[in-house]
Amino acid sequence: MAMSFFDQFASPTYMGIPLIAISIALPWVLYPTPTTRWLNNRMLTLQGWLMNRFTNQLMTSLNVKGHKWAMLFLSLMIFLITINMLGLLPYTFTPTTQLSMNMGLAVPMWLATVIIGMRNQPTIALGHLLPEGTPVLLIPVLIIIETISLFIRPLALGVRLTANLTAGHLLIQLIATAVFVLLPLMPTVAILTAAILFLLTILEVAVAMIQAYVFVLLLSLYLQENV
């Protein structure tokens, strides 16, 4: 039976048990754990340097209250990067191609930033719904538009991550299928197509990292408006 290109996005099951929990928990096993010794190996040193650079860059625009979120944002970005990168390996499943999972990450984080703003500074948080100097006739319309844009934020976070990864995986599968079909018919064209596939795979590695960074960066910007 011919398989659909979208079968790769179906959640794997074994004896009726979904295996998505294993694919979500597995990335944490791959990272080396810090030691109590003064000198670490190169992997731990590189890991610590990357974490420090990301935390410094992300927390620059936030005040001291927002720094409490540093560990949460760092863990979320590492989690997303690892899942996205592992999903590029053959015969693997990428949980972040599931909109339900991405929305499950985006909605609670976005809602937490909104609740913090409403609790700590309700006047400023509600002031974002109405730009300063708005004409009186446009006030009701702008409040509705800004409210809709506020509630669209978590949907945009989840859909952006899902769409980018899904499109990349589909494009890789389409080009790989073309290589296998063209190889016995036109070897030269198949080799050129394989070169394009290799470049696309490198691009997808960059997309996997960038999309995880953008996801966390937008959350930090939402937090910046409310702290």
C-alpha atoms as a PDB file:
ATOM      1  CA  MET A   1       0.000   0.000   0.000  1.00  0.00           C
ATOM      2  CA  ALA A   2       1.369   3.422  -0.954  1.00  0.00           C
ATOM      3  CA  MET A   3       2.129   5.631   2.016  1.00  0.00           C
ATOM      4  CA  SER A   4       1.202   9.291   2.167  1.00  0.00           C
ATOM      5  CA  PHE A   5       3.818  11.987   2.591  1.00  0.00           C
ATOM      6  CA  PHE A   6       1.978  13.038   5.736  1.00  0.00           C
ATOM      7  CA  ASP A   7       2.331   9.637   7.404  1.00  0.00           C
ATOM      8  CA  GLN A   8       5.659  10.779   8.873  1.00  0.00           C
ATOM      9  CA  PHE A   9       3.772  13.270  11.061  1.00  0.00           C
ATOM     10  CA  ALA A  10       1.490  10.650  12.611  1.00  0.00           C
ATOM     11  CA  SER A  11       2.239   9.956  16.265  1.00  0.00           C
ATOM     12  CA  PRO A  12       3.936   6.522  16.513  1.00  0.00           C
ATOM     13  CA  THR A  13       2.244   3.831  18.551  1.00  0.00           C
ATOM     14  CA  TYR A  14       3.261   0.418  19.836  1.00  0.00           C
ATOM     15  CA  MET A  15       0.520  -2.050  20.770  1.00  0.00           C
ATOM     16  CA  GLY A  16      -1.895   0.868  20.870  1.00  0.00           C
ATOM     17  CA  ILE A  17       0.324   2.891  23.249  1.00  0.00           C
ATOM     18  CA  PRO A  18       1.427   6.345  21.972  1.00  0.00           C
ATOM     19  CA  LEU A  19       5.210   6.712  21.968  1.00  0.00           C
ATOM     20  CA  ILE A  20       5.231  10.497  21.831  1.00  0.00           C
ATOM     21  CA  ALA A  21       6.038  10.618  25.563  1.00  0.00           C
ATOM     22  CA  ILE A  22       9.289   8.740  24.916  1.00  0.00           C
ATOM     23  CA  SER A  23      10.236  11.072  22.072  1.00  0.00           C
ATOM     24  CA  ILE A  24       9.634  14.055  24.364  1.00  0.00           C
ATOM     25  CA  ALA A  25      11.561  12.637  27.350  1.00  0.00           C
ATOM     26  CA  LEU A  26      14.486  11.166  25.398  1.00  0.00           C
ATOM     27  CA  PRO A  27      16.331  14.447  24.589  1.00  0.00           C
ATOM     28  CA  TRP A  28      17.110  15.121  28.228  1.00  0.00           C
ATOM     29  CA  VAL A  29      19.108  11.883  28.430  1.00  0.00           C
ATOM     30  CA  LEU A  30      21.488  13.008  25.689  1.00  0.00           C
ATOM     31  CA  TYR A  31      22.955  15.990  27.525  1.00  0.00           C
ATOM     32  CA  PRO A  32      26.018  15.557  29.744  1.00  0.00           C
ATOM     33  CA  THR A  33      25.482  16.307  33.409  1.00  0.00           C
ATOM     34  CA  PRO A  34      27.738  18.804  35.212  1.00  0.00           C
ATOM     35  CA  THR A  35      30.415  17.439  37.527  1.00  0.00           C
ATOM     36  CA  THR A  36      31.722  18.677  40.866  1.00  0.00           C
ATOM     37  CA  ARG A  37      35.297  18.858  39.572  1.00  0.00           C
ATOM     38  CA  TRP A  38      36.978  22.163  38.833  1.00  0.00           C
ATOM     39  CA  LEU A  39      37.952  21.179  35.303  1.00  0.00           C
ATOM     40  CA  ASN A  40      35.292  19.970  32.851  1.00  0.00           C
ATOM     41  CA  ASN A  41      35.654  18.326  29.478  1.00  0.00           C
ATOM     42  CA  ARG A  42      35.228  20.213  26.212  1.00  0.00           C
ATOM     43  CA  MET A  43      31.577  19.213  25.790  1.00  0.00           C
ATOM     44  CA  LEU A  44      30.548  20.577  29.177  1.00  0.00           C
ATOM     45  CA  THR A  45      32.578  23.738  28.626  1.00  0.00           C
ATOM     46  CA  LEU A  46      30.961  24.364  25.244  1.00  0.00           C
ATOM     47  CA  GLN A  47      27.515  23.619  26.661  1.00  0.00           C
ATOM     48  CA  GLY A  48      28.012  26.067  29.532  1.00  0.00           C
ATOM     49  CA  TRP A  49      29.350  28.770  27.208  1.00  0.00           C
ATOM     50  CA  LEU A  50      26.374  28.489  24.860  1.00  0.00           C
ATOM     51  CA  MET A  51      23.927  28.614  27.768  1.00  0.00           C
ATOM     52  CA  ASN A  52      25.581  31.711  29.216  1.00  0.00           C
ATOM     53  CA  ARG A  53      25.606  33.496  25.844  1.00  0.00           C
ATOM     54  CA  PHE A  54      21.952  32.757  25.203  1.00  0.00           C
ATOM     55  CA  THR A  55      20.877  33.773  28.703  1.00  0.00           C
ATOM     56  CA  ASN A  56      22.803  37.056  28.528  1.00  0.00           C
ATOM     57  CA  GLN A  57      21.340  37.922  25.137  1.00  0.00           C
ATOM     58  CA  LEU A  58      17.785  37.036  26.118  1.00  0.00           C
ATOM     59  CA  MET A  59      17.780  38.762  29.493  1.00  0.00           C
ATOM     60  CA  THR A  60      19.334  42.032  28.285  1.00  0.00           C
ATOM     61  CA  SER A  61      15.991  43.621  27.436  1.00  0.00           C
ATOM     62  CA  LEU A  62      14.284  42.442  30.643  1.00  0.00           C
ATOM     63  CA  ASN A  63      14.425  44.054  34.066  1.00  0.00           C
ATOM     64  CA  VAL A  64      15.399  42.257  37.252  1.00  0.00           C
ATOM     65  CA  LYS A  65      11.920  40.790  37.758  1.00  0.00           C
ATOM     66  CA  GLY A  66      12.063  39.163  34.352  1.00  0.00           C
ATOM     67  CA  HIS A  67      15.373  37.438  35.152  1.00  0.00           C
ATOM     68  CA  LYS A  68      13.434  34.864  37.179  1.00  0.00           C
ATOM     69  CA  TRP A  69      12.324  33.397  33.857  1.00  0.00           C
ATOM     70  CA  ALA A  70      15.881  32.778  32.638  1.00  0.00           C
ATOM     71  CA  MET A  71      16.030  29.107  33.619  1.00  0.00           C
ATOM     72  CA  LEU A  72      12.591  28.391  32.176  1.00  0.00           C
ATOM     73  CA  PHE A  73      13.377  30.065  28.846  1.00  0.00           C
ATOM     74  CA  LEU A  74      16.773  28.363  28.626  1.00  0.00           C
ATOM     75  CA  SER A  75      15.319  24.926  29.326  1.00  0.00           C
ATOM     76  CA  LEU A  76      12.528  25.471  26.808  1.00  0.00           C
ATOM     77  CA  MET A  77      14.914  26.528  24.040  1.00  0.00           C
ATOM     78  CA  ILE A  78      17.271  23.577  24.633  1.00  0.00           C
ATOM     79  CA  PHE A  79      14.279  21.249  24.658  1.00  0.00           C
ATOM     80  CA  LEU A  80      12.929  22.597  21.371  1.00  0.00           C
ATOM     81  CA  ILE A  81      16.318  22.627  19.639  1.00  0.00           C
ATOM     82  CA  THR A  82      17.028  19.033  20.640  1.00  0.00           C
ATOM     83  CA  ILE A  83      13.636  17.746  19.507  1.00  0.00           C
ATOM     84  CA  ASN A  84      13.867  19.641  16.209  1.00  0.00           C
ATOM     85  CA  MET A  85      17.388  18.354  15.505  1.00  0.00           C
ATOM     86  CA  LEU A  86      16.565  14.753  16.384  1.00  0.00           C
ATOM     87  CA  GLY A  87      13.561  14.950  14.077  1.00  0.00           C
ATOM     88  CA  LEU A  88      15.902  15.429  11.116  1.00  0.00           C
ATOM     89  CA  LEU A  89      17.398  11.973  11.624  1.00  0.00           C
ATOM     90  CA  PRO A  90      16.005   9.121   9.496  1.00  0.00           C
ATOM     91  CA  TYR A  91      13.175   7.024  10.955  1.00  0.00           C
ATOM     92  CA  THR A  92      12.506   9.471  13.772  1.00  0.00           C
ATOM     93  CA  PHE A  93       9.429  11.372  14.887  1.00  0.00           C
ATOM     94  CA  THR A  94       9.348  15.131  15.495  1.00  0.00           C
ATOM     95  CA  PRO A  95       6.839  16.031  18.255  1.00  0.00           C
ATOM     96  CA  THR A  96       7.053  19.740  17.356  1.00  0.00           C
ATOM     97  CA  THR A  97       5.311  19.047  14.033  1.00  0.00           C
ATOM     98  CA  GLN A  98       2.164  18.458  16.118  1.00  0.00           C
ATOM     99  CA  LEU A  99       0.167  21.659  16.542  1.00  0.00           C
ATOM    100  CA  SER A 100      -1.406  20.323  19.743  1.00  0.00           C
ATOM    101  CA  MET A 101       1.975  20.032  21.441  1.00  0.00           C
ATOM    102  CA  ASN A 102       3.169  23.460  20.287  1.00  0.00           C
ATOM    103  CA  MET A 103      -0.067  25.053  21.467  1.00  0.00           C
ATOM    104  CA  GLY A 104       0.354  23.215  24.762  1.00  0.00           C
ATOM    105  CA  LEU A 105       3.684  24.992  25.160  1.00  0.00           C
ATOM    106  CA  ALA A 106       2.632  28.384  23.804  1.00  0.00           C
ATOM    107  CA  VAL A 107      -0.720  28.959  25.538  1.00  0.00           C
ATOM    108  CA  PRO A 108       0.381  28.428  29.187  1.00  0.00           C
ATOM    109  CA  MET A 109       3.545  30.509  28.724  1.00  0.00           C
ATOM    110  CA  TRP A 110       1.661  33.354  27.026  1.00  0.00           C
ATOM    111  CA  LEU A 111      -1.119  33.198  29.619  1.00  0.00           C
ATOM    112  CA  ALA A 112       1.433  33.374  32.426  1.00  0.00           C
ATOM    113  CA  THR A 113       2.908  36.596  31.008  1.00  0.00           C
ATOM    114  CA  VAL A 114      -0.571  38.137  30.677  1.00  0.00           C
ATOM    115  CA  ILE A 115      -1.557  37.161  34.220  1.00  0.00           C
ATOM    116  CA  ILE A 116       1.678  38.606  35.606  1.00  0.00           C
ATOM    117  CA  GLY A 117       1.024  41.902  33.814  1.00  0.00           C
ATOM    118  CA  MET A 118      -2.580  42.079  35.016  1.00  0.00           C
ATOM    119  CA  ARG A 119      -1.546  41.326  38.590  1.00  0.00           C
ATOM    120  CA  ASN A 120       1.538  43.547  38.943  1.00  0.00           C
ATOM    121  CA  GLN A 121       0.704  46.502  36.685  1.00  0.00           C
ATOM    122  CA  PRO A 122      -2.890  46.312  35.421  1.00  0.00           C
ATOM    123  CA  THR A 123      -2.971  49.923  34.196  1.00  0.00           C
ATOM    124  CA  ILE A 124       0.088  49.497  31.961  1.00  0.00           C
ATOM    125  CA  ALA A 125      -1.035  46.062  30.778  1.00  0.00           C
ATOM    126  CA  LEU A 126      -4.445  47.380  29.741  1.00  0.00           C
ATOM    127  CA  GLY A 127      -2.800  50.489  28.278  1.00  0.00           C
ATOM    128  CA  HIS A 128      -1.254  48.324  25.549  1.00  0.00           C
ATOM    129  CA  LEU A 129      -4.746  47.841  24.154  1.00  0.00           C
ATOM    130  CA  LEU A 130      -5.073  51.553  23.330  1.00  0.00           C
ATOM    131  CA  PRO A 131      -2.142  53.475  21.767  1.00  0.00           C
ATOM    132  CA  GLU A 132      -1.549  56.977  23.060  1.00  0.00           C
ATOM    133  CA  GLY A 133      -3.072  59.795  21.050  1.00  0.00           C
ATOM    134  CA  THR A 134      -5.794  57.692  19.442  1.00  0.00           C
ATOM    135  CA  PRO A 135      -8.776  59.706  18.071  1.00  0.00           C
ATOM    136  CA  VAL A 136     -11.962  59.254  20.058  1.00  0.00           C
ATOM    137  CA  LEU A 137     -13.885  57.725  17.167  1.00  0.00           C
ATOM    138  CA  LEU A 138     -11.259  55.018  16.680  1.00  0.00           C
ATOM    139  CA  ILE A 139     -10.986  53.978  20.336  1.00  0.00           C
ATOM    140  CA  PRO A 140     -13.607  51.148  20.255  1.00  0.00           C
ATOM    141  CA  VAL A 141     -12.251  49.754  16.982  1.00  0.00           C
ATOM    142  CA  LEU A 142      -8.625  49.818  18.138  1.00  0.00           C
ATOM    143  CA  ILE A 143      -9.470  48.174  21.463  1.00  0.00           C
ATOM    144  CA  ILE A 144     -11.168  45.309  19.597  1.00  0.00           C
ATOM    145  CA  ILE A 145      -8.259  44.969  17.154  1.00  0.00           C
ATOM    146  CA  GLU A 146      -5.615  45.008  19.898  1.00  0.00           C
ATOM    147  CA  THR A 147      -7.594  42.489  21.966  1.00  0.00           C
ATOM    148  CA  ILE A 148      -7.826  40.135  18.996  1.00  0.00           C
ATOM    149  CA  SER A 149      -4.121  40.522  18.290  1.00  0.00           C
ATOM    150  CA  LEU A 150      -3.378  39.750  21.936  1.00  0.00           C
ATOM    151  CA  PHE A 151      -5.303  36.472  21.830  1.00  0.00           C
ATOM    152  CA  ILE A 152      -3.798  35.525  18.470  1.00  0.00           C
ATOM    153  CA  ARG A 153      -0.263  35.576  19.899  1.00  0.00           C
ATOM    154  CA  PRO A 154      -0.198  31.983  21.248  1.00  0.00           C
ATOM    155  CA  LEU A 155      -1.805  30.706  18.045  1.00  0.00           C
ATOM    156  CA  ALA A 156       0.879  32.461  15.999  1.00  0.00           C
ATOM    157  CA  LEU A 157       3.601  30.916  18.182  1.00  0.00           C
ATOM    158  CA  GLY A 158       2.296  27.394  17.734  1.00  0.00           C
ATOM    159  CA  VAL A 159       1.422  27.664  14.045  1.00  0.00           C
ATOM    160  CA  ARG A 160       4.781  29.267  13.148  1.00  0.00           C
ATOM    161  CA  LEU A 161       6.778  26.451  14.720  1.00  0.00           C
ATOM    162  CA  THR A 162       4.525  23.726  13.296  1.00  0.00           C
ATOM    163  CA  ALA A 163       4.364  25.160   9.772  1.00  0.00           C
ATOM    164  CA  ASN A 164       8.100  25.743   9.405  1.00  0.00           C
ATOM    165  CA  LEU A 165       9.088  22.271  10.568  1.00  0.00           C
ATOM    166  CA  THR A 166       6.312  20.533   8.636  1.00  0.00           C
ATOM    167  CA  ALA A 167       7.187  22.332   5.400  1.00  0.00           C
ATOM    168  CA  GLY A 168      10.862  21.486   5.778  1.00  0.00           C
ATOM    169  CA  HIS A 169      10.206  17.804   6.421  1.00  0.00           C
ATOM    170  CA  LEU A 170       7.830  17.574   3.476  1.00  0.00           C
ATOM    171  CA  LEU A 171      10.293  19.266   1.142  1.00  0.00           C
ATOM    172  CA  ILE A 172      13.102  16.932   2.200  1.00  0.00           C
ATOM    173  CA  GLN A 173      10.905  13.886   1.640  1.00  0.00           C
ATOM    174  CA  LEU A 174       9.754  15.123  -1.768  1.00  0.00           C
ATOM    175  CA  ILE A 175      13.313  15.763  -2.990  1.00  0.00           C
ATOM    176  CA  ALA A 176      14.576  12.465  -1.551  1.00  0.00           C
ATOM    177  CA  THR A 177      11.789  10.633  -3.380  1.00  0.00           C
ATOM    178  CA  ALA A 178      12.731  12.430  -6.591  1.00  0.00           C
ATOM    179  CA  VAL A 179      16.363  11.320  -6.173  1.00  0.00           C
ATOM    180  CA  PHE A 180      15.381   7.633  -5.893  1.00  0.00           C
ATOM    181  CA  VAL A 181      13.042   7.893  -8.880  1.00  0.00           C
ATOM    182  CA  LEU A 182      15.550   9.707 -11.106  1.00  0.00           C
ATOM    183  CA  LEU A 183      18.594   7.618 -10.180  1.00  0.00           C
ATOM    184  CA  PRO A 184      17.988   4.721 -12.632  1.00  0.00           C
ATOM    185  CA  LEU A 185      16.584   7.025 -15.330  1.00  0.00           C
ATOM    186  CA  MET A 186      18.825  10.114 -15.271  1.00  0.00           C
ATOM    187  CA  PRO A 187      21.831   9.608 -12.964  1.00  0.00           C
ATOM    188  CA  THR A 188      23.273  13.066 -13.606  1.00  0.00           C
ATOM    189  CA  VAL A 189      20.039  14.824 -12.700  1.00  0.00           C
ATOM    190  CA  ALA A 190      19.710  12.566  -9.665  1.00  0.00           C
ATOM    191  CA  ILE A 191      23.183  13.556  -8.445  1.00  0.00           C
ATOM    192  CA  LEU A 192      22.368  17.247  -8.840  1.00  0.00           C
ATOM    193  CA  THR A 193      19.107  16.708  -6.997  1.00  0.00           C
ATOM    194  CA  ALA A 194      20.976  14.911  -4.217  1.00  0.00           C
ATOM    195  CA  ALA A 195      23.305  17.913  -3.898  1.00  0.00           C
ATOM    196  CA  ILE A 196      20.259  20.153  -3.533  1.00  0.00           C
ATOM    197  CA  LEU A 197      18.922  17.746  -0.907  1.00  0.00           C
ATOM    198  CA  PHE A 198      22.178  17.999   1.047  1.00  0.00           C
ATOM    199  CA  LEU A 199      22.053  21.812   1.002  1.00  0.00           C
ATOM    200  CA  LEU A 200      18.397  21.729   2.027  1.00  0.00           C
ATOM    201  CA  THR A 201      19.227  19.465   4.951  1.00  0.00           C
ATOM    202  CA  ILE A 202      21.836  21.955   6.157  1.00  0.00           C
ATOM    203  CA  LEU A 203      19.234  24.699   5.816  1.00  0.00           C
ATOM    204  CA  GLU A 204      16.755  22.658   7.843  1.00  0.00           C
ATOM    205  CA  VAL A 205      19.317  22.256  10.630  1.00  0.00           C
ATOM    206  CA  ALA A 206      19.555  26.049  10.778  1.00  0.00           C
ATOM    207  CA  VAL A 207      15.750  26.373  10.658  1.00  0.00           C
ATOM    208  CA  ALA A 208      15.402  23.890  13.536  1.00  0.00           C
ATOM    209  CA  MET A 209      17.646  26.029  15.735  1.00  0.00           C
ATOM    210  CA  ILE A 210      16.286  29.394  14.586  1.00  0.00           C
ATOM    211  CA  GLN A 211      12.644  28.445  15.126  1.00  0.00           C
ATOM    212  CA  ALA A 212      13.361  27.305  18.683  1.00  0.00           C
ATOM    213  CA  TYR A 213      15.172  30.579  19.348  1.00  0.00           C
ATOM    214  CA  VAL A 214      12.358  32.661  17.797  1.00  0.00           C
ATOM    215  CA  PHE A 215       9.758  30.818  19.884  1.00  0.00           C
ATOM    216  CA  VAL A 216      11.541  31.700  23.131  1.00  0.00           C
ATOM    217  CA  LEU A 217      12.480  35.199  21.960  1.00  0.00           C
ATOM    218  CA  LEU A 218       8.850  36.107  21.267  1.00  0.00           C
ATOM    219  CA  LEU A 219       7.863  34.810  24.690  1.00  0.00           C
ATOM    220  CA  SER A 220      10.505  37.029  26.251  1.00  0.00           C
ATOM    221  CA  LEU A 221       9.121  40.021  24.331  1.00  0.00           C
ATOM    222  CA  TYR A 222       5.634  39.245  25.629  1.00  0.00           C
ATOM    223  CA  LEU A 223       7.076  39.049  29.130  1.00  0.00           C
ATOM    224  CA  GLN A 224       8.884  42.361  28.640  1.00  0.00           C
ATOM    225  CA  GLU A 225       5.539  44.116  28.099  1.00  0.00           C
ATOM    226  CA  ASN A 226       4.190  42.820  31.417  1.00  0.00           C
ATOM    227  CA  VAL A 227       7.078  43.157  33.909  1.00  0.00           C
END
